[in-house]
Amino acid sequence: MEGKVKWYNIKKGYGFIQGEDGQDYFVHHTGIEQGARLNENTEVEFEAAETDKGRQARNVVLKGQSGEKSKKEPVQEKDYEDKEPEQSPEDDVDTSDFGNDDSEAEKNL
């Protein structure tokens, strides 16, 4: 169903949508697509549900965005095999004697 936001309070996390059928539908923040911001007169699409507390809007999305894939660019994986590893200052240190407890001074004793 399509409708327009009558009002929505971000701090309280709820509001009302007037459906295309002229009925008002309660909308809770848990029923809104992640990332969508509802403002007065925002056009939306939603699923209408009849609950014990009255009419409720669920799966609310901004009009024209239902079923759309994210417009973000896909993250490209880095190809590390093609690059030479960068040398760090530690790479210049000669570690061939590390771990060898026999120093020259001790050998002469």
PDB file of N, CA and C in Angstrom:
ATOM      1  N   MET A   1       0.847  -1.169   0.000  1.00  0.00           N
ATOM      2  CA  MET A   1       0.000   0.000   0.000  1.00  0.00           C
ATOM      3  C   MET A   1       0.898   1.240   0.000  1.00  0.00           C
ATOM      4  N   GLU A   2       0.384   2.322  -0.571  1.00  0.00           N
ATOM      5  CA  GLU A   2       1.111   3.590  -0.565  1.00  0.00           C
ATOM      6  C   GLU A   2       0.435   4.556   0.395  1.00  0.00           C
ATOM      7  N   GLY A   3       1.195   5.549   0.835  1.00  0.00           N
ATOM      8  CA  GLY A   3       0.646   6.554   1.736  1.00  0.00           C
ATOM      9  C   GLY A   3       1.617   7.693   1.942  1.00  0.00           C
ATOM     10  N   LYS A   4       1.194   8.630   2.802  1.00  0.00           N
ATOM     11  CA  LYS A   4       2.033   9.775   3.176  1.00  0.00           C
ATOM     12  C   LYS A   4       2.126   9.846   4.684  1.00  0.00           C
ATOM     13  N   VAL A   5       3.284  10.229   5.155  1.00  0.00           N
ATOM     14  CA  VAL A   5       3.490  10.380   6.588  1.00  0.00           C
ATOM     15  C   VAL A   5       2.705  11.599   7.070  1.00  0.00           C
ATOM     16  N   LYS A   6       1.822  11.383   8.047  1.00  0.00           N
ATOM     17  CA  LYS A   6       1.097  12.503   8.655  1.00  0.00           C
ATOM     18  C   LYS A   6       2.026  13.210   9.635  1.00  0.00           C
ATOM     19  N   TRP A   7       2.628  12.434  10.499  1.00  0.00           N
ATOM     20  CA  TRP A   7       3.651  12.930  11.407  1.00  0.00           C
ATOM     21  C   TRP A   7       4.455  11.754  11.930  1.00  0.00           C
ATOM     22  N   TYR A   8       5.698  12.044  12.305  1.00  0.00           N
ATOM     23  CA  TYR A   8       6.575  11.034  12.868  1.00  0.00           C
ATOM     24  C   TYR A   8       7.537  11.731  13.812  1.00  0.00           C
ATOM     25  N   ASN A   9       7.637  11.207  15.044  1.00  0.00           N
ATOM     26  CA  ASN A   9       8.515  11.783  16.057  1.00  0.00           C
ATOM     27  C   ASN A   9       9.721  10.861  16.226  1.00  0.00           C
ATOM     28  N   ILE A  10      10.863  11.343  15.794  1.00  0.00           N
ATOM     29  CA  ILE A  10      12.083  10.532  15.863  1.00  0.00           C
ATOM     30  C   ILE A  10      12.423  10.179  17.307  1.00  0.00           C
ATOM     31  N   LYS A  11      12.303  11.121  18.219  1.00  0.00           N
ATOM     32  CA  LYS A  11      12.653  10.859  19.620  1.00  0.00           C
ATOM     33  C   LYS A  11      11.754   9.805  20.240  1.00  0.00           C
ATOM     34  N   LYS A  12      10.474   9.842  19.921  1.00  0.00           N
ATOM     35  CA  LYS A  12       9.539   8.855  20.470  1.00  0.00           C
ATOM     36  C   LYS A  12       9.563   7.553  19.681  1.00  0.00           C
ATOM     37  N   GLY A  13       9.943   7.624  18.409  1.00  0.00           N
ATOM     38  CA  GLY A  13      10.062   6.422  17.599  1.00  0.00           C
ATOM     39  C   GLY A  13       8.761   5.928  16.995  1.00  0.00           C
ATOM     40  N   TYR A  14       7.784   6.814  16.854  1.00  0.00           N
ATOM     41  CA  TYR A  14       6.530   6.399  16.230  1.00  0.00           C
ATOM     42  C   TYR A  14       5.822   7.590  15.607  1.00  0.00           C
ATOM     43  N   GLY A  15       4.773   7.281  14.837  1.00  0.00           N
ATOM     44  CA  GLY A  15       3.970   8.307  14.191  1.00  0.00           C
ATOM     45  C   GLY A  15       2.813   7.664  13.450  1.00  0.00           C
ATOM     46  N   PHE A  16       2.278   8.400  12.468  1.00  0.00           N
ATOM     47  CA  PHE A  16       1.145   7.892  11.700  1.00  0.00           C
ATOM     48  C   PHE A  16       1.323   8.166  10.217  1.00  0.00           C
ATOM     49  N   ILE A  17       0.848   7.223   9.434  1.00  0.00           N
ATOM     50  CA  ILE A  17       0.859   7.328   7.979  1.00  0.00           C
ATOM     51  C   ILE A  17      -0.595   7.290   7.518  1.00  0.00           C
ATOM     52  N   GLN A  18      -0.954   8.176   6.598  1.00  0.00           N
ATOM     53  CA  GLN A  18      -2.280   8.100   6.006  1.00  0.00           C
ATOM     54  C   GLN A  18      -2.161   7.276   4.729  1.00  0.00           C
ATOM     55  N   GLY A  19      -2.863   6.155   4.701  1.00  0.00           N
ATOM     56  CA  GLY A  19      -2.809   5.261   3.557  1.00  0.00           C
ATOM     57  C   GLY A  19      -3.614   5.791   2.392  1.00  0.00           C
ATOM     58  N   GLU A  20      -3.404   5.201   1.216  1.00  0.00           N
ATOM     59  CA  GLU A  20      -4.135   5.613   0.023  1.00  0.00           C
ATOM     60  C   GLU A  20      -5.627   5.337   0.154  1.00  0.00           C
ATOM     61  N   ASP A  21      -5.991   4.518   1.146  1.00  0.00           N
ATOM     62  CA  ASP A  21      -7.395   4.230   1.407  1.00  0.00           C
ATOM     63  C   ASP A  21      -8.039   5.259   2.335  1.00  0.00           C
ATOM     64  N   GLY A  22      -7.232   6.270   2.742  1.00  0.00           N
ATOM     65  CA  GLY A  22      -7.753   7.325   3.613  1.00  0.00           C
ATOM     66  C   GLY A  22      -7.682   6.990   5.096  1.00  0.00           C
ATOM     67  N   GLN A  23      -7.237   5.793   5.442  1.00  0.00           N
ATOM     68  CA  GLN A  23      -7.144   5.371   6.841  1.00  0.00           C
ATOM     69  C   GLN A  23      -5.771   5.742   7.405  1.00  0.00           C
ATOM     70  N   ASP A  24      -5.748   5.948   8.712  1.00  0.00           N
ATOM     71  CA  ASP A  24      -4.490   6.229   9.403  1.00  0.00           C
ATOM     72  C   ASP A  24      -3.897   4.930   9.931  1.00  0.00           C
ATOM     73  N   TYR A  25      -2.582   4.790   9.786  1.00  0.00           N
ATOM     74  CA  TYR A  25      -1.857   3.606  10.226  1.00  0.00           C
ATOM     75  C   TYR A  25      -0.752   4.030  11.174  1.00  0.00           C
ATOM     76  N   PHE A  26      -0.734   3.402  12.332  1.00  0.00           N
ATOM     77  CA  PHE A  26       0.324   3.628  13.303  1.00  0.00           C
ATOM     78  C   PHE A  26       1.617   3.050  12.734  1.00  0.00           C
ATOM     79  N   VAL A  27       2.726   3.774  12.888  1.00  0.00           N
ATOM     80  CA  VAL A  27       4.023   3.263  12.448  1.00  0.00           C
ATOM     81  C   VAL A  27       5.017   3.382  13.601  1.00  0.00           C
ATOM     82  N   HIS A  28       5.676   2.273  13.896  1.00  0.00           N
ATOM     83  CA  HIS A  28       6.699   2.213  14.939  1.00  0.00           C
ATOM     84  C   HIS A  28       8.057   2.116  14.255  1.00  0.00           C
ATOM     85  N   HIS A  29       9.085   2.625  14.904  1.00  0.00           N
ATOM     86  CA  HIS A  29      10.420   2.639  14.287  1.00  0.00           C
ATOM     87  C   HIS A  29      10.894   1.248  13.888  1.00  0.00           C
ATOM     88  N   THR A  30      10.426   0.204  14.562  1.00  0.00           N
ATOM     89  CA  THR A  30      10.846  -1.150  14.221  1.00  0.00           C
ATOM     90  C   THR A  30      10.244  -1.622  12.896  1.00  0.00           C
ATOM     91  N   GLY A  31       9.228  -0.910  12.403  1.00  0.00           N
ATOM     92  CA  GLY A  31       8.588  -1.283  11.150  1.00  0.00           C
ATOM     93  C   GLY A  31       9.103  -0.495   9.956  1.00  0.00           C
ATOM     94  N   ILE A  32      10.157   0.295  10.164  1.00  0.00           N
ATOM     95  CA  ILE A  32      10.692   1.149   9.105  1.00  0.00           C
ATOM     96  C   ILE A  32      12.010   0.571   8.609  1.00  0.00           C
ATOM     97  N   GLU A  33      12.174   0.565   7.294  1.00  0.00           N
ATOM     98  CA  GLU A  33      13.414   0.082   6.697  1.00  0.00           C
ATOM     99  C   GLU A  33      14.599   0.844   7.287  1.00  0.00           C
ATOM    100  N   GLN A  34      15.648   0.120   7.605  1.00  0.00           N
ATOM    101  CA  GLN A  34      16.834   0.740   8.194  1.00  0.00           C
ATOM    102  C   GLN A  34      17.384   1.814   7.261  1.00  0.00           C
ATOM    103  N   GLY A  35      17.660   2.964   7.811  1.00  0.00           N
ATOM    104  CA  GLY A  35      18.227   4.058   7.039  1.00  0.00           C
ATOM    105  C   GLY A  35      17.190   5.028   6.476  1.00  0.00           C
ATOM    106  N   ALA A  36      15.910   4.639   6.483  1.00  0.00           N
ATOM    107  CA  ALA A  36      14.857   5.528   5.960  1.00  0.00           C
ATOM    108  C   ALA A  36      14.482   6.546   7.029  1.00  0.00           C
ATOM    109  N   ARG A  37      14.331   7.800   6.618  1.00  0.00           N
ATOM    110  CA  ARG A  37      13.911   8.868   7.539  1.00  0.00           C
ATOM    111  C   ARG A  37      12.524   9.326   7.142  1.00  0.00           C
ATOM    112  N   LEU A  38      11.619   9.293   8.101  1.00  0.00           N
ATOM    113  CA  LEU A  38      10.257   9.723   7.838  1.00  0.00           C
ATOM    114  C   LEU A  38      10.062  11.154   8.307  1.00  0.00           C
ATOM    115  N   ASN A  39       9.575  11.974   7.420  1.00  0.00           N
ATOM    116  CA  ASN A  39       9.225  13.355   7.727  1.00  0.00           C
ATOM    117  C   ASN A  39       7.791  13.574   7.269  1.00  0.00           C
ATOM    118  N   GLU A  40       7.176  14.627   7.754  1.00  0.00           N
ATOM    119  CA  GLU A  40       5.812  14.948   7.352  1.00  0.00           C
ATOM    120  C   GLU A  40       5.724  15.021   5.822  1.00  0.00           C
ATOM    121  N   ASN A  41       4.697  14.390   5.271  1.00  0.00           N
ATOM    122  CA  ASN A  41       4.399  14.342   3.833  1.00  0.00           C
ATOM    123  C   ASN A  41       5.351  13.469   3.014  1.00  0.00           C
ATOM    124  N   THR A  42       6.234  12.715   3.659  1.00  0.00           N
ATOM    125  CA  THR A  42       7.079  11.780   2.930  1.00  0.00           C
ATOM    126  C   THR A  42       6.195  10.681   2.348  1.00  0.00           C
ATOM    127  N   GLU A  43       6.373  10.391   1.067  1.00  0.00           N
ATOM    128  CA  GLU A  43       5.607   9.324   0.438  1.00  0.00           C
ATOM    129  C   GLU A  43       6.289   7.988   0.709  1.00  0.00           C
ATOM    130  N   VAL A  44       5.471   7.015   1.133  1.00  0.00           N
ATOM    131  CA  VAL A  44       6.003   5.720   1.517  1.00  0.00           C
ATOM    132  C   VAL A  44       5.166   4.583   0.933  1.00  0.00           C
ATOM    133  N   GLU A  45       5.741   3.409   0.982  1.00  0.00           N
ATOM    134  CA  GLU A  45       5.041   2.169   0.674  1.00  0.00           C
ATOM    135  C   GLU A  45       5.142   1.308   1.924  1.00  0.00           C
ATOM    136  N   PHE A  46       4.083   0.562   2.225  1.00  0.00           N
ATOM    137  CA  PHE A  46       4.089  -0.249   3.440  1.00  0.00           C
ATOM    138  C   PHE A  46       3.083  -1.386   3.333  1.00  0.00           C
ATOM    139  N   GLU A  47       3.212  -2.313   4.270  1.00  0.00           N
ATOM    140  CA  GLU A  47       2.247  -3.394   4.400  1.00  0.00           C
ATOM    141  C   GLU A  47       1.281  -3.008   5.514  1.00  0.00           C
ATOM    142  N   ALA A  48      -0.006  -3.058   5.219  1.00  0.00           N
ATOM    143  CA  ALA A  48      -1.027  -2.739   6.212  1.00  0.00           C
ATOM    144  C   ALA A  48      -1.347  -3.982   7.026  1.00  0.00           C
ATOM    145  N   ALA A  49      -1.425  -3.813   8.336  1.00  0.00           N
ATOM    146  CA  ALA A  49      -1.753  -4.927   9.223  1.00  0.00           C
ATOM    147  C   ALA A  49      -2.847  -4.482  10.186  1.00  0.00           C
ATOM    148  N   GLU A  50      -3.760  -5.379  10.463  1.00  0.00           N
ATOM    149  CA  GLU A  50      -4.818  -5.125  11.446  1.00  0.00           C
ATOM    150  C   GLU A  50      -4.404  -5.862  12.718  1.00  0.00           C
ATOM    151  N   THR A  51      -4.161  -5.105  13.780  1.00  0.00           N
ATOM    152  CA  THR A  51      -3.736  -5.712  15.041  1.00  0.00           C
ATOM    153  C   THR A  51      -4.808  -5.490  16.098  1.00  0.00           C
ATOM    154  N   ASP A  52      -4.617  -6.060  17.274  1.00  0.00           N
ATOM    155  CA  ASP A  52      -5.570  -5.852  18.368  1.00  0.00           C
ATOM    156  C   ASP A  52      -5.566  -4.398  18.846  1.00  0.00           C
ATOM    157  N   LYS A  53      -4.536  -3.644  18.478  1.00  0.00           N
ATOM    158  CA  LYS A  53      -4.458  -2.221  18.849  1.00  0.00           C
ATOM    159  C   LYS A  53      -4.877  -1.308  17.702  1.00  0.00           C
ATOM    160  N   GLY A  54      -5.247  -1.867  16.563  1.00  0.00           N
ATOM    161  CA  GLY A  54      -5.683  -1.067  15.421  1.00  0.00           C
ATOM    162  C   GLY A  54      -4.818  -1.280  14.198  1.00  0.00           C
ATOM    163  N   ARG A  55      -4.952  -0.393  13.236  1.00  0.00           N
ATOM    164  CA  ARG A  55      -4.203  -0.489  11.969  1.00  0.00           C
ATOM    165  C   ARG A  55      -2.743  -0.110  12.196  1.00  0.00           C
ATOM    166  N   GLN A  56      -1.875  -0.877  11.554  1.00  0.00           N
ATOM    167  CA  GLN A  56      -0.451  -0.638  11.730  1.00  0.00           C
ATOM    168  C   GLN A  56       0.265  -0.775  10.393  1.00  0.00           C
ATOM    169  N   ALA A  57       1.263   0.082  10.185  1.00  0.00           N
ATOM    170  CA  ALA A  57       2.106   0.019   8.991  1.00  0.00           C
ATOM    171  C   ALA A  57       3.359  -0.770   9.325  1.00  0.00           C
ATOM    172  N   ARG A  58       3.666  -1.744   8.464  1.00  0.00           N
ATOM    173  CA  ARG A  58       4.870  -2.560   8.653  1.00  0.00           C
ATOM    174  C   ARG A  58       5.678  -2.558   7.372  1.00  0.00           C
ATOM    175  N   ASN A  59       6.957  -2.845   7.499  1.00  0.00           N
ATOM    176  CA  ASN A  59       7.864  -2.884   6.342  1.00  0.00           C
ATOM    177  C   ASN A  59       7.765  -1.595   5.531  1.00  0.00           C
ATOM    178  N   VAL A  60       7.867  -0.481   6.217  1.00  0.00           N
ATOM    179  CA  VAL A  60       7.744   0.836   5.592  1.00  0.00           C
ATOM    180  C   VAL A  60       9.038   1.192   4.865  1.00  0.00           C
ATOM    181  N   VAL A  61       8.908   1.576   3.589  1.00  0.00           N
ATOM    182  CA  VAL A  61      10.042   2.024   2.787  1.00  0.00           C
ATOM    183  C   VAL A  61       9.661   3.322   2.091  1.00  0.00           C
ATOM    184  N   LEU A  62      10.653   4.112   1.753  1.00  0.00           N
ATOM    185  CA  LEU A  62      10.397   5.328   1.004  1.00  0.00           C
ATOM    186  C   LEU A  62       9.879   4.944  -0.376  1.00  0.00           C
ATOM    187  N   LYS A  63       8.904   5.664  -0.864  1.00  0.00           N
ATOM    188  CA  LYS A  63       8.280   5.314  -2.136  1.00  0.00           C
ATOM    189  C   LYS A  63       9.324   5.294  -3.247  1.00  0.00           C
ATOM    190  N   GLY A  64       9.249   4.260  -4.063  1.00  0.00           N
ATOM    191  CA  GLY A  64      10.188   4.115  -5.165  1.00  0.00           C
ATOM    192  C   GLY A  64      11.464   3.391  -4.785  1.00  0.00           C
ATOM    193  N   GLN A  65      11.618   3.029  -3.514  1.00  0.00           N
ATOM    194  CA  GLN A  65      12.849   2.356  -3.097  1.00  0.00           C
ATOM    195  C   GLN A  65      12.621   0.923  -2.666  1.00  0.00           C
ATOM    196  N   SER A  66      11.401   0.433  -2.762  1.00  0.00           N
ATOM    197  CA  SER A  66      11.166  -0.947  -2.351  1.00  0.00           C
ATOM    198  C   SER A  66      11.777  -1.890  -3.374  1.00  0.00           C
ATOM    199  N   GLY A  67      12.496  -2.858  -2.891  1.00  0.00           N
ATOM    200  CA  GLY A  67      13.117  -3.845  -3.766  1.00  0.00           C
ATOM    201  C   GLY A  67      14.366  -3.365  -4.474  1.00  0.00           C
ATOM    202  N   GLU A  68      14.757  -2.106  -4.295  1.00  0.00           N
ATOM    203  CA  GLU A  68      15.977  -1.602  -4.926  1.00  0.00           C
ATOM    204  C   GLU A  68      17.177  -2.127  -4.174  1.00  0.00           C
ATOM    205  N   LYS A  69      18.213  -2.382  -4.910  1.00  0.00           N
ATOM    206  CA  LYS A  69      19.464  -2.758  -4.273  1.00  0.00           C
ATOM    207  C   LYS A  69      20.168  -1.491  -3.820  1.00  0.00           C
ATOM    208  N   SER A  70      21.049  -1.640  -2.905  1.00  0.00           N
ATOM    209  CA  SER A  70      21.813  -0.506  -2.403  1.00  0.00           C
ATOM    210  C   SER A  70      22.546   0.180  -3.541  1.00  0.00           C
ATOM    211  N   LYS A  71      22.586   1.504  -3.489  1.00  0.00           N
ATOM    212  CA  LYS A  71      23.265   2.264  -4.534  1.00  0.00           C
ATOM    213  C   LYS A  71      24.748   2.447  -4.224  1.00  0.00           C
ATOM    214  N   LYS A  72      25.206   1.874  -3.126  1.00  0.00           N
ATOM    215  CA  LYS A  72      26.612   1.990  -2.779  1.00  0.00           C
ATOM    216  C   LYS A  72      27.440   1.190  -3.768  1.00  0.00           C
ATOM    217  N   GLU A  73      28.627   1.674  -4.034  1.00  0.00           N
ATOM    218  CA  GLU A  73      29.548   0.960  -4.909  1.00  0.00           C
ATOM    219  C   GLU A  73      30.028  -0.286  -4.190  1.00  0.00           C
ATOM    220  N   PRO A  74      30.137  -1.396  -4.901  1.00  0.00           N
ATOM    221  CA  PRO A  74      30.649  -2.596  -4.244  1.00  0.00           C
ATOM    222  C   PRO A  74      32.102  -2.397  -3.838  1.00  0.00           C
ATOM    223  N   VAL A  75      32.450  -2.957  -2.714  1.00  0.00           N
ATOM    224  CA  VAL A  75      33.818  -2.848  -2.223  1.00  0.00           C
ATOM    225  C   VAL A  75      34.672  -3.837  -2.998  1.00  0.00           C
ATOM    226  N   GLN A  76      35.754  -3.334  -3.574  1.00  0.00           N
ATOM    227  CA  GLN A  76      36.640  -4.201  -4.325  1.00  0.00           C
ATOM    228  C   GLN A  76      37.677  -4.788  -3.388  1.00  0.00           C
ATOM    229  N   GLU A  77      37.892  -6.079  -3.555  1.00  0.00           N
ATOM    230  CA  GLU A  77      38.900  -6.717  -2.737  1.00  0.00           C
ATOM    231  C   GLU A  77      40.269  -6.316  -3.256  1.00  0.00           C
ATOM    232  N   LYS A  78      41.189  -6.108  -2.345  1.00  0.00           N
ATOM    233  CA  LYS A  78      42.544  -5.732  -2.734  1.00  0.00           C
ATOM    234  C   LYS A  78      43.309  -6.980  -3.130  1.00  0.00           C
ATOM    235  N   ASP A  79      44.070  -6.858  -4.162  1.00  0.00           N
ATOM    236  CA  ASP A  79      44.879  -7.976  -4.633  1.00  0.00           C
ATOM    237  C   ASP A  79      46.289  -7.789  -4.093  1.00  0.00           C
ATOM    238  N   TYR A  80      46.604  -8.507  -3.036  1.00  0.00           N
ATOM    239  CA  TYR A  80      47.894  -8.343  -2.386  1.00  0.00           C
ATOM    240  C   TYR A  80      49.003  -9.113  -3.087  1.00  0.00           C
ATOM    241  N   GLU A  81      48.659 -10.080  -3.895  1.00  0.00           N
ATOM    242  CA  GLU A  81      49.688 -10.883  -4.536  1.00  0.00           C
ATOM    243  C   GLU A  81      50.488 -10.109  -5.569  1.00  0.00           C
ATOM    244  N   ASP A  82      49.876  -9.119  -6.200  1.00  0.00           N
ATOM    245  CA  ASP A  82      50.541  -8.375  -7.262  1.00  0.00           C
ATOM    246  C   ASP A  82      51.473  -7.293  -6.745  1.00  0.00           C
ATOM    247  N   LYS A  83      51.422  -6.999  -5.469  1.00  0.00           N
ATOM    248  CA  LYS A  83      52.213  -5.896  -4.933  1.00  0.00           C
ATOM    249  C   LYS A  83      53.431  -6.416  -4.199  1.00  0.00           C
ATOM    250  N   GLU A  84      54.520  -5.648  -4.310  1.00  0.00           N
ATOM    251  CA  GLU A  84      55.720  -5.946  -3.545  1.00  0.00           C
ATOM    252  C   GLU A  84      55.451  -5.560  -2.096  1.00  0.00           C
ATOM    253  N   PRO A  85      55.839  -6.379  -1.155  1.00  0.00           N
ATOM    254  CA  PRO A  85      55.627  -5.997   0.241  1.00  0.00           C
ATOM    255  C   PRO A  85      56.493  -4.791   0.592  1.00  0.00           C
ATOM    256  N   GLU A  86      55.904  -3.898   1.359  1.00  0.00           N
ATOM    257  CA  GLU A  86      56.653  -2.718   1.778  1.00  0.00           C
ATOM    258  C   GLU A  86      57.629  -3.119   2.860  1.00  0.00           C
ATOM    259  N   GLN A  87      58.815  -2.522   2.823  1.00  0.00           N
ATOM    260  CA  GLN A  87      59.797  -2.820   3.849  1.00  0.00           C
ATOM    261  C   GLN A  87      59.634  -1.841   4.993  1.00  0.00           C
ATOM    262  N   SER A  88      59.733  -2.368   6.180  1.00  0.00           N
ATOM    263  CA  SER A  88      59.680  -1.514   7.354  1.00  0.00           C
ATOM    264  C   SER A  88      61.102  -1.339   7.859  1.00  0.00           C
ATOM    265  N   PRO A  89      61.337  -0.369   8.722  1.00  0.00           N
ATOM    266  CA  PRO A  89      62.697  -0.158   9.247  1.00  0.00           C
ATOM    267  C   PRO A  89      63.250  -1.405   9.927  1.00  0.00           C
ATOM    268  N   GLU A  90      62.372  -2.233  10.487  1.00  0.00           N
ATOM    269  CA  GLU A  90      62.837  -3.440  11.162  1.00  0.00           C
ATOM    270  C   GLU A  90      63.449  -4.439  10.167  1.00  0.00           C
ATOM    271  N   ASP A  91      63.057  -4.350   8.888  1.00  0.00           N
ATOM    272  CA  ASP A  91      63.563  -5.274   7.887  1.00  0.00           C
ATOM    273  C   ASP A  91      65.061  -5.075   7.629  1.00  0.00           C
ATOM    274  N   ASP A  92      65.587  -3.910   7.979  1.00  0.00           N
ATOM    275  CA  ASP A  92      67.000  -3.620   7.756  1.00  0.00           C
ATOM    276  C   ASP A  92      67.884  -4.159   8.878  1.00  0.00           C
ATOM    277  N   VAL A  93      67.307  -4.663   9.960  1.00  0.00           N
ATOM    278  CA  VAL A  93      68.061  -5.148  11.101  1.00  0.00           C
ATOM    279  C   VAL A  93      68.505  -6.579  10.833  1.00  0.00           C
ATOM    280  N   ASP A  94      69.772  -6.852  11.103  1.00  0.00           N
ATOM    281  CA  ASP A  94      70.306  -8.199  10.935  1.00  0.00           C
ATOM    282  C   ASP A  94      69.898  -9.022  12.153  1.00  0.00           C
ATOM    283  N   THR A  95      69.034  -9.995  11.923  1.00  0.00           N
ATOM    284  CA  THR A  95      68.535 -10.800  13.036  1.00  0.00           C
ATOM    285  C   THR A  95      69.196 -12.169  13.102  1.00  0.00           C
ATOM    286  N   SER A  96      70.268 -12.375  12.353  1.00  0.00           N
ATOM    287  CA  SER A  96      70.895 -13.699  12.314  1.00  0.00           C
ATOM    288  C   SER A  96      71.465 -14.116  13.661  1.00  0.00           C
ATOM    289  N   ASP A  97      71.850 -13.175  14.521  1.00  0.00           N
ATOM    290  CA  ASP A  97      72.427 -13.522  15.818  1.00  0.00           C
ATOM    291  C   ASP A  97      71.393 -13.529  16.934  1.00  0.00           C
ATOM    292  N   PHE A  98      70.171 -13.162  16.646  1.00  0.00           N
ATOM    293  CA  PHE A  98      69.145 -13.119  17.702  1.00  0.00           C
ATOM    294  C   PHE A  98      68.881 -14.530  18.200  1.00  0.00           C
ATOM    295  N   GLY A  99      68.740 -14.653  19.487  1.00  0.00           N
ATOM    296  CA  GLY A  99      68.443 -15.937  20.079  1.00  0.00           C
ATOM    297  C   GLY A  99      69.697 -16.760  20.371  1.00  0.00           C
ATOM    298  N   ASN A 100      70.863 -16.262  19.974  1.00  0.00           N
ATOM    299  CA  ASN A 100      72.112 -16.965  20.223  1.00  0.00           C
ATOM    300  C   ASN A 100      72.705 -16.418  21.510  1.00  0.00           C
ATOM    301  N   ASP A 101      72.717 -17.233  22.571  1.00  0.00           N
ATOM    302  CA  ASP A 101      73.166 -16.763  23.874  1.00  0.00           C
ATOM    303  C   ASP A 101      74.690 -16.722  24.018  1.00  0.00           C
ATOM    304  N   ASP A 102      75.397 -17.340  23.117  1.00  0.00           N
ATOM    305  CA  ASP A 102      76.851 -17.400  23.224  1.00  0.00           C
ATOM    306  C   ASP A 102      77.444 -16.132  22.614  1.00  0.00           C
ATOM    307  N   SER A 103      77.741 -15.189  23.447  1.00  0.00           N
ATOM    308  CA  SER A 103      78.372 -13.956  22.956  1.00  0.00           C
ATOM    309  C   SER A 103      79.884 -14.184  22.879  1.00  0.00           C
ATOM    310  N   GLU A 104      80.578 -13.350  22.138  1.00  0.00           N
ATOM    311  CA  GLU A 104      82.036 -13.440  21.988  1.00  0.00           C
ATOM    312  C   GLU A 104      82.730 -13.294  23.341  1.00  0.00           C
ATOM    313  N   ALA A 105      82.195 -12.437  24.211  1.00  0.00           N
ATOM    314  CA  ALA A 105      82.818 -12.209  25.513  1.00  0.00           C
ATOM    315  C   ALA A 105      82.764 -13.469  26.347  1.00  0.00           C
ATOM    316  N   GLU A 106      81.683 -14.216  26.257  1.00  0.00           N
ATOM    317  CA  GLU A 106      81.550 -15.429  27.075  1.00  0.00           C
ATOM    318  C   GLU A 106      82.411 -16.560  26.531  1.00  0.00           C
ATOM    319  N   LYS A 107      82.644 -16.587  25.225  1.00  0.00           N
ATOM    320  CA  LYS A 107      83.447 -17.648  24.640  1.00  0.00           C
ATOM    321  C   LYS A 107      84.908 -17.573  25.107  1.00  0.00           C
ATOM    322  N   ASN A 108      85.358 -16.344  25.362  1.00  0.00           N
ATOM    323  CA  ASN A 108      86.744 -16.154  25.746  1.00  0.00           C
ATOM    324  C   ASN A 108      87.007 -16.407  27.222  1.00  0.00           C
ATOM    325  N   LEU A 109      86.017 -16.729  27.988  1.00  0.00           N
ATOM    326  CA  LEU A 109      86.225 -16.954  29.426  1.00  0.00           C
ATOM    327  C   LEU A 109      86.778 -18.267  29.745  1.00  0.00           C
TER     328      LEU A 109
END
